[in-house]
Protein backbone atom coordinates (compact mmCIF):
# COMPACT_ATOMS: atom_id res chain seq x y z
CA MET A 1 112.92 121.85 106.46
CA LYS A 2 114.35 118.47 108.70
CA THR A 3 114.20 118.26 112.56
CA PRO A 4 115.71 115.66 114.84
CA VAL A 5 113.32 113.31 116.69
CA GLU A 6 113.94 110.88 119.67
CA ILE A 7 111.55 108.49 120.59
CA THR A 8 111.38 105.49 122.00
CA VAL A 9 108.90 102.65 119.77
CA ASN A 10 108.19 99.45 121.04
CA LYS A 11 111.02 99.80 123.70
CA LYS A 12 113.88 100.58 121.28
CA LYS A 13 115.17 103.88 121.26
CA TYR A 14 115.83 105.76 117.55
CA LYS A 15 117.10 108.83 116.14
CA VAL A 16 115.65 110.09 113.13
CA GLU A 17 115.16 113.37 111.02
CA VAL A 18 112.19 113.97 109.77
CA ASP A 19 110.63 117.20 107.75
CA THR A 20 108.83 119.05 109.90
CA ARG A 21 105.56 118.56 108.35
CA MET A 22 105.40 114.51 108.83
CA ILE A 23 103.14 112.94 110.94
CA LEU A 24 103.91 110.53 113.19
CA ALA A 25 102.30 107.88 111.06
CA ASP A 26 104.16 108.70 108.10
CA MET A 27 107.55 108.32 110.24
CA LEU A 28 106.45 105.14 112.00
CA ARG A 29 105.68 103.63 108.41
CA GLU A 30 108.51 105.26 106.19
CA GLU A 31 111.43 106.03 108.78
CA LEU A 32 111.07 102.85 111.24
CA ARG A 33 109.58 100.64 108.23
CA LEU A 34 106.70 99.53 111.04
CA THR A 35 103.91 99.17 108.81
CA GLY A 36 101.32 98.03 110.82
CA THR A 37 100.34 101.24 111.73
CA HIS A 38 97.91 101.84 108.74
CA ILE A 39 96.61 105.53 107.66
CA GLY A 40 92.97 105.42 106.76
CA CYS A 41 91.38 108.54 106.70
CA GLY A 42 94.05 110.71 107.63
CA THR A 43 91.96 113.14 109.78
CA GLY A 44 91.66 110.98 112.97
CA ASN A 45 88.20 109.51 112.15
CA CYS A 46 88.86 105.79 111.34
CA GLY A 47 91.20 104.86 114.07
CA ALA A 48 93.45 102.47 111.49
CA CYS A 49 96.57 104.91 113.02
CA THR A 50 96.04 104.25 116.39
CA VAL A 51 98.85 103.45 118.45
CA ILE A 52 99.57 103.91 122.21
CA MET A 53 101.46 106.80 123.55
CA ASN A 54 102.91 107.67 126.85
CA GLY A 55 100.25 104.82 127.76
CA GLU A 56 97.07 106.52 125.95
CA THR A 57 95.64 105.62 122.54
CA VAL A 58 96.17 108.14 120.03
CA LYS A 59 95.57 108.58 116.27
CA SER A 60 99.05 109.03 114.94
CA CYS A 61 97.81 110.54 111.67
CA CYS A 62 96.73 113.56 113.88
CA ILE A 63 100.26 113.93 115.28
CA ILE A 64 103.18 115.68 113.98
CA ALA A 65 106.04 113.62 114.32
CA ALA A 66 108.44 116.40 115.74
CA ASP A 67 105.52 116.79 118.58
CA ALA A 68 106.56 113.16 119.48
CA ASN A 69 109.98 113.75 120.56
CA GLY A 70 111.10 112.25 123.60
CA GLN A 71 107.66 110.11 123.91
CA GLU A 72 107.30 106.44 124.16
CA VAL A 73 105.25 104.81 121.68
CA LEU A 74 103.70 101.37 121.18
CA THR A 75 102.80 99.60 117.87
CA ILE A 76 101.17 96.38 116.89
CA GLU A 77 104.94 95.32 116.24
CA GLY A 78 105.34 95.80 119.57
CA ILE A 79 103.18 93.50 121.25
CA SER A 80 103.98 89.96 120.47
CA SER A 81 107.11 88.71 120.50
CA SER A 82 106.67 86.68 117.05
CA ALA A 83 104.06 85.68 114.61
CA ASN A 84 104.06 82.71 116.38
CA GLU A 85 103.21 83.65 119.43
CA LEU A 86 100.67 86.45 119.75
CA HIS A 87 99.15 88.36 122.29
CA PRO A 88 96.11 86.93 124.10
CA ILE A 89 94.11 90.12 122.27
CA GLN A 90 95.47 89.10 118.94
CA GLN A 91 94.75 85.48 119.26
CA ALA A 92 91.33 86.12 120.60
CA PHE A 93 90.34 88.26 117.32
CA VAL A 94 91.74 85.30 115.32
CA GLU A 95 89.77 82.63 116.93
CA ASN A 96 86.91 85.06 117.12
CA GLN A 97 86.94 86.03 113.42
CA GLY A 98 87.06 89.66 114.67
CA LEU A 99 89.21 90.50 111.57
CA GLN A 100 88.21 90.17 108.11
CA CYS A 101 90.12 92.48 105.64
CA GLY A 102 92.41 93.44 108.63
CA TYR A 103 92.96 97.05 107.59
CA CYS A 104 91.33 98.24 110.94
CA THR A 105 92.97 95.22 113.36
CA PRO A 106 96.22 97.05 114.57
CA GLY A 107 93.87 100.20 115.84
CA MET A 108 91.25 97.98 116.96
CA VAL A 109 93.83 95.98 118.85
CA LEU A 110 95.63 98.65 120.31
CA SER A 111 92.07 100.26 121.54
CA THR A 112 91.47 96.93 123.07
CA ILE A 113 94.51 97.29 124.72
CA GLN A 114 93.60 100.55 126.43
CA LEU A 115 90.09 99.32 126.86
CA LEU A 116 90.78 96.38 129.06
CA LYS A 117 93.50 98.14 130.89
CA ASP A 118 90.88 100.82 132.01
CA ASN A 119 88.12 98.20 132.36
CA PRO A 120 89.09 94.47 133.13
CA ASP A 121 85.89 93.21 132.60
CA PRO A 122 83.94 95.50 130.41
CA SER A 123 80.24 95.24 129.29
CA GLU A 124 78.87 94.94 125.76
CA ASP A 125 78.01 98.61 125.93
CA GLN A 126 81.12 99.60 127.30
CA ILE A 127 83.16 97.56 124.75
CA ARG A 128 80.92 99.15 121.76
CA HIS A 129 81.91 102.94 123.54
CA GLY A 130 85.43 101.95 123.89
CA ILE A 131 86.19 100.81 120.14
CA SER A 132 84.07 103.31 118.63
CA GLY A 133 87.24 105.81 117.43
CA ASN A 134 87.72 102.71 115.25
CA LEU A 135 85.97 102.20 112.16
CA CYS A 136 85.34 98.73 110.63
CA ARG A 137 83.93 98.08 107.24
CA CYS A 138 83.52 94.54 107.17
CA THR A 139 82.57 92.90 110.18
CA GLY A 140 79.66 94.45 111.56
CA TYR A 141 81.46 94.53 115.11
CA GLN A 142 79.56 91.82 116.68
CA PHE A 143 82.75 89.50 116.16
CA ILE A 144 85.50 92.44 117.49
CA VAL A 145 82.88 92.79 120.42
CA GLN A 146 83.16 88.81 120.85
CA SER A 147 86.84 88.92 120.37
CA ILE A 148 87.07 91.62 123.13
CA GLN A 149 84.86 89.71 125.63
CA ASP A 150 86.98 86.82 124.88
CA ALA A 151 90.46 88.79 125.25
CA ALA A 152 89.29 90.20 128.66
CA LYS A 153 88.40 86.35 130.15
CA ARG A 154 92.18 85.14 128.72
CA LEU A 155 93.88 88.02 130.11
CA SER A 156 91.88 87.65 134.06
CA LYS A 157 92.49 84.11 133.68
CA ASN A 158 96.38 84.25 133.08
CA GLY A 159 96.86 87.33 135.13
CA LYS A 160 98.59 89.61 132.12
CA ALA A 161 98.50 93.09 132.18
CA PRO A 162 96.94 94.15 128.29
CA ALA A 163 100.11 95.56 127.27
CA SER A 164 102.55 92.57 128.19
CA ARG A 165 103.63 90.39 125.93
């Protein structure tokens, strides 16, 4: 059975018909062709599918797409204006080697946005706690922590809010 969903994703309004069993991550990827949201475990444990919905991080593999009707979602595609103009958090991840295979990176970056929105100057322990819902099998986390520390400095220096472009 299909159901209509009206959703704002990356400040753009969409109207789609989805199967009532479809999860938000699949709707973003399959219906809206926003493939930056990755699906890792499918159970909400790995954080690869993290997006920001109504100002809070959520695991999009745990949300039925129909339940996102009327909601506002930010995906990794919505935080930078182009591949040549990365968001300061993305730039910090690149320059500090906070990514390797890149599979966890979109969810990690969106979790960082939430973390720095809630705490613009986190300690290392606060960073590790803030990203604890995101698993990375490649980096050992040290470069990710350094990336987030650098991103916090960049954002405070230029006075930008974490989610702004």
